[in-house]
Amino acid sequence: MSKSIASNKKRQSRTRKPQGGLPSEVKMLLWLSIPVLLIVAVVLLTQSQASSTQTVDISRLVHTDSPVLGKTDAPVTVVEFLDPECSSCKAFYPIIKDVLAQNGDNVRLVVRYLPLHNNSVLAMAATEAAGNQGKYWEMQELLFAKQSEWGNKQAPQTALMLQYAQELGLDGDKFAKDLSDPAIMQKIERDNADAQALNVRGTPSFFVNGKAVSTLSQSALQSAIDDAK
């Protein structure tokens, strides 16, 4: 090690000694400011907690044409904003299935869309097109299962969507036509607009009976459901 580097290390390692105490006037101002800072901190924390549990406009959460899994008159409604191309949505999918199974007829799931990737809109249209033939949930599960095949690609993966429709035994011609159905495109655009209005920025995002679930975990989701029952 050179003398200059060793000298620099020695200088950096020295502790600088204080050159005298603060004036009494400064000390007094610091002591007086502490209670004010504590009050501000408490107010901000309270506002943050209130906003995290605030009930949002239900008209932005559920529409009559939104896909629903479970009894329509279930006392608890879980709304999920998802993206079929989102890896976190794929990872959370079995958790959602488990939560629905554990809660039975007490909970229904409503799916909303928030496209965030290159093939998101195409995949959403594929689930809707499959839904027109009674295979919405089967297509959603298949897209999650095969996400590595079609996800994170720059080019549109239309050919794979048509292949998945064939695997599900769908009418290929009708499915291909519905992929570009203006009504489906408008539905996706509406969901995206609702997500922005609700300040939803990522997927998956959940609301339970109109209240946002701030933590993405099975225990947090179940706790929100228990509170809503």
Protein backbone atom coordinates (compact mmCIF):
# COMPACT_ATOMS: atom_id res chain seq x y z
CA MET A 1 0.00 0.00 0.00
CA SER A 2 1.41 3.43 -0.95
CA LYS A 3 2.09 6.05 1.71
CA SER A 4 -0.53 8.41 0.20
CA ILE A 5 -3.35 5.79 0.37
CA ALA A 6 -2.35 4.83 3.93
CA SER A 7 -2.30 8.49 4.87
CA ASN A 8 -5.77 9.03 3.36
CA LYS A 9 -7.17 6.03 5.28
CA LYS A 10 -5.70 7.38 8.53
CA ARG A 11 -7.25 10.79 7.92
CA GLN A 12 -10.64 9.24 7.07
CA SER A 13 -10.56 7.08 10.20
CA ARG A 14 -9.97 9.98 12.60
CA THR A 15 -12.97 11.24 14.54
CA ARG A 16 -13.44 14.96 14.32
CA LYS A 17 -13.60 16.50 17.79
CA PRO A 18 -16.32 19.05 18.49
CA GLN A 19 -15.09 22.62 18.61
CA GLY A 20 -17.38 23.74 21.43
CA GLY A 21 -21.07 23.48 22.41
CA LEU A 22 -24.08 25.08 20.73
CA PRO A 23 -25.18 28.53 21.91
CA SER A 24 -27.95 28.49 24.50
CA GLU A 25 -30.37 30.26 22.11
CA VAL A 26 -29.95 27.46 19.51
CA LYS A 27 -30.44 24.78 22.16
CA MET A 28 -33.67 26.45 23.29
CA LEU A 29 -35.01 26.59 19.71
CA LEU A 30 -34.23 22.91 19.21
CA TRP A 31 -36.04 21.92 22.40
CA LEU A 32 -39.08 24.01 21.46
CA SER A 33 -39.24 22.49 17.96
CA ILE A 34 -39.35 18.85 19.17
CA PRO A 35 -43.05 18.88 20.31
CA VAL A 36 -44.08 20.55 17.02
CA LEU A 37 -42.27 17.90 14.97
CA LEU A 38 -43.89 15.12 17.01
CA ILE A 39 -47.36 16.58 16.43
CA VAL A 40 -46.72 16.86 12.67
CA ALA A 41 -45.49 13.25 12.56
CA VAL A 42 -48.59 11.99 14.36
CA VAL A 43 -50.91 13.92 12.02
CA LEU A 44 -49.16 12.58 8.91
CA LEU A 45 -49.25 9.02 10.23
CA THR A 46 -52.95 9.31 11.03
CA GLN A 47 -53.72 10.68 7.57
CA SER A 48 -51.70 7.87 5.96
CA GLN A 49 -53.54 5.20 7.91
CA ALA A 50 -56.91 6.76 7.12
CA SER A 51 -56.17 6.92 3.38
CA SER A 52 -55.06 3.27 3.30
CA THR A 53 -58.43 2.13 4.65
CA GLN A 54 -60.60 4.72 2.90
CA THR A 55 -63.59 3.33 1.03
CA VAL A 56 -63.46 4.29 -2.64
CA ASP A 57 -66.19 4.91 -5.21
CA ILE A 58 -67.77 1.49 -5.71
CA SER A 59 -68.90 2.47 -9.21
CA ARG A 60 -65.23 2.50 -10.20
CA LEU A 61 -64.68 -1.00 -8.83
CA VAL A 62 -67.46 -3.20 -10.18
CA HIS A 63 -69.31 -3.11 -13.49
CA THR A 64 -72.12 -5.34 -14.66
CA ASP A 65 -69.90 -6.91 -17.33
CA SER A 66 -66.90 -7.52 -15.03
CA PRO A 67 -65.90 -11.22 -14.79
CA VAL A 68 -67.15 -12.66 -11.48
CA LEU A 69 -66.18 -15.89 -9.75
CA GLY A 70 -68.44 -16.90 -6.88
CA LYS A 71 -72.00 -16.17 -5.81
CA THR A 72 -73.28 -12.80 -6.97
CA ASP A 73 -74.90 -12.18 -3.58
CA ALA A 74 -71.80 -13.01 -1.52
CA PRO A 75 -71.41 -10.61 1.45
CA VAL A 76 -67.76 -9.91 0.60
CA THR A 77 -66.54 -8.71 -2.79
CA VAL A 78 -62.85 -8.95 -3.62
CA VAL A 79 -61.86 -6.84 -6.63
CA GLU A 80 -58.53 -7.65 -8.26
CA PHE A 81 -56.84 -5.42 -10.82
CA LEU A 82 -54.60 -7.79 -12.75
CA ASP A 83 -52.47 -8.20 -15.84
CA PRO A 84 -52.15 -11.73 -17.34
CA GLU A 85 -48.57 -10.87 -18.33
CA CYS A 86 -47.62 -9.84 -14.79
CA SER A 87 -45.37 -12.37 -13.02
CA SER A 88 -46.68 -11.28 -9.61
CA CYS A 89 -50.25 -11.94 -10.75
CA LYS A 90 -49.18 -15.40 -11.82
CA ALA A 91 -47.50 -16.02 -8.46
CA PHE A 92 -50.57 -14.79 -6.56
CA TYR A 93 -53.05 -16.79 -8.65
CA PRO A 94 -52.89 -19.99 -6.52
CA ILE A 95 -53.23 -17.84 -3.39
CA ILE A 96 -56.44 -16.34 -4.74
CA LYS A 97 -57.78 -19.81 -5.48
CA ASP A 98 -56.95 -20.90 -1.94
CA VAL A 99 -58.60 -17.84 -0.38
CA LEU A 100 -61.77 -18.39 -2.41
CA ALA A 101 -61.86 -22.08 -1.46
CA GLN A 102 -61.43 -21.30 2.25
CA ASN A 103 -64.19 -18.69 2.29
CA GLY A 104 -66.75 -20.53 0.16
CA ASP A 105 -69.98 -18.67 -0.59
CA ASN A 106 -68.95 -15.72 1.60
CA VAL A 107 -66.66 -14.24 -1.05
CA ARG A 108 -66.88 -13.43 -4.74
CA LEU A 109 -63.97 -12.34 -6.95
CA VAL A 110 -64.34 -9.57 -9.51
CA VAL A 111 -61.60 -9.19 -12.13
CA ARG A 112 -60.54 -5.83 -13.54
CA TYR A 113 -57.73 -5.10 -16.00
CA LEU A 114 -54.64 -2.92 -15.80
CA PRO A 115 -52.41 -3.47 -18.87
CA LEU A 116 -48.74 -2.82 -18.14
CA HIS A 117 -46.82 -4.95 -20.68
CA ASN A 118 -46.46 -5.38 -24.43
CA ASN A 119 -48.92 -8.27 -24.82
CA SER A 120 -51.19 -7.39 -21.90
CA VAL A 121 -54.11 -6.10 -23.98
CA LEU A 122 -53.91 -9.10 -26.32
CA ALA A 123 -53.97 -11.52 -23.37
CA MET A 124 -56.89 -9.68 -21.78
CA ALA A 125 -58.76 -9.81 -25.06
CA ALA A 126 -58.00 -13.55 -25.24
CA THR A 127 -59.61 -14.17 -21.84
CA GLU A 128 -62.64 -12.11 -22.84
CA ALA A 129 -62.91 -13.88 -26.20
CA ALA A 130 -62.70 -17.23 -24.43
CA GLY A 131 -65.33 -15.99 -22.00
CA ASN A 132 -67.68 -15.40 -24.91
CA GLN A 133 -67.54 -19.17 -25.37
CA GLY A 134 -67.82 -20.02 -21.68
CA LYS A 135 -64.11 -20.59 -21.04
CA TYR A 136 -62.99 -17.36 -19.38
CA TRP A 137 -61.42 -18.87 -16.25
CA GLU A 138 -59.89 -21.74 -18.18
CA MET A 139 -58.13 -19.28 -20.49
CA GLN A 140 -56.94 -17.15 -17.58
CA GLU A 141 -55.42 -20.19 -15.88
CA LEU A 142 -53.84 -21.37 -19.13
CA LEU A 143 -52.26 -17.97 -19.77
CA PHE A 144 -50.73 -17.95 -16.30
CA ALA A 145 -49.49 -21.52 -16.72
CA LYS A 146 -47.83 -20.70 -20.07
CA GLN A 147 -46.78 -17.15 -19.31
CA SER A 148 -43.13 -17.97 -20.02
CA GLU A 149 -44.06 -18.83 -23.62
CA TRP A 150 -45.82 -15.59 -24.57
CA GLY A 151 -44.91 -13.07 -21.87
CA ASN A 152 -42.14 -10.46 -22.04
CA LYS A 153 -42.07 -10.51 -25.84
CA GLN A 154 -41.85 -7.42 -28.04
CA ALA A 155 -43.93 -8.81 -30.91
CA PRO A 156 -47.66 -9.60 -30.58
CA GLN A 157 -48.19 -13.25 -29.62
CA THR A 158 -51.46 -13.68 -31.54
CA ALA A 159 -50.48 -17.07 -32.97
CA LEU A 160 -49.99 -18.49 -29.48
CA MET A 161 -53.35 -17.11 -28.35
CA LEU A 162 -55.02 -18.88 -31.26
CA GLN A 163 -53.16 -22.06 -30.30
CA TYR A 164 -54.38 -21.80 -26.70
CA ALA A 165 -57.94 -21.34 -27.95
CA GLN A 166 -57.58 -24.54 -29.92
CA GLU A 167 -56.26 -26.34 -26.82
CA LEU A 168 -59.41 -25.26 -24.96
CA GLY A 169 -61.62 -26.53 -27.78
CA LEU A 170 -62.92 -23.11 -28.77
CA ASP A 171 -64.34 -22.04 -32.11
CA GLY A 172 -61.17 -20.66 -33.70
CA ASP A 173 -62.85 -18.33 -36.19
CA LYS A 174 -65.08 -16.73 -33.56
CA PHE A 175 -62.18 -16.46 -31.13
CA ALA A 176 -59.97 -14.75 -33.73
CA LYS A 177 -62.75 -12.28 -34.57
CA ASP A 178 -63.42 -11.49 -30.90
CA LEU A 179 -59.75 -10.76 -30.25
CA SER A 180 -60.24 -7.39 -31.96
CA ASP A 181 -63.85 -6.81 -30.91
CA PRO A 182 -64.26 -3.05 -30.24
CA ALA A 183 -66.50 -3.82 -27.23
CA ILE A 184 -63.68 -5.83 -25.61
CA MET A 185 -61.14 -3.08 -26.35
CA GLN A 186 -63.45 -0.48 -24.80
CA LYS A 187 -63.86 -2.66 -21.71
CA ILE A 188 -60.09 -2.88 -21.24
CA GLU A 189 -59.72 0.88 -21.77
CA ARG A 190 -62.48 1.56 -19.22
CA ASP A 191 -60.82 -0.70 -16.64
CA ASN A 192 -57.51 1.06 -17.20
CA ALA A 193 -59.19 4.45 -16.71
CA ASP A 194 -60.84 3.23 -13.49
CA ALA A 195 -57.48 1.96 -12.23
CA GLN A 196 -55.91 5.36 -12.81
CA ALA A 197 -58.82 7.12 -11.07
CA LEU A 198 -58.44 4.77 -8.09
CA ASN A 199 -54.69 5.41 -7.99
CA VAL A 200 -53.91 1.77 -8.77
CA ARG A 201 -50.35 1.71 -10.05
CA GLY A 202 -49.37 -1.96 -9.97
CA THR A 203 -50.72 -5.48 -10.30
CA PRO A 204 -52.11 -7.36 -8.59
CA SER A 205 -54.01 -4.81 -6.51
CA PHE A 206 -56.96 -5.74 -4.30
CA PHE A 207 -60.01 -4.05 -2.82
CA VAL A 208 -62.27 -5.77 -0.29
CA ASN A 209 -65.78 -4.31 -0.06
CA GLY A 210 -64.45 -1.04 -1.40
CA LYS A 211 -61.34 -0.79 0.79
CA ALA A 212 -57.84 -1.10 -0.61
CA VAL A 213 -55.64 -3.89 0.72
CA SER A 214 -52.27 -2.23 1.29
CA THR A 215 -50.14 -5.37 1.80
CA LEU A 216 -49.81 -8.05 -0.86
CA SER A 217 -50.03 -11.28 1.13
CA GLN A 218 -52.53 -14.04 1.79
CA SER A 219 -52.79 -13.14 5.47
CA ALA A 220 -53.48 -9.46 4.70
CA LEU A 221 -56.15 -10.38 2.15
CA GLN A 222 -57.79 -12.86 4.53
CA SER A 223 -57.70 -10.33 7.35
CA ALA A 224 -59.46 -7.77 5.15
CA ILE A 225 -62.09 -10.38 4.26
CA ASP A 226 -62.62 -11.26 7.92
CA ASP A 227 -63.10 -7.58 8.78
CA ALA A 228 -65.65 -7.21 5.99
CA LYS A 229 -67.82 -10.19 6.96
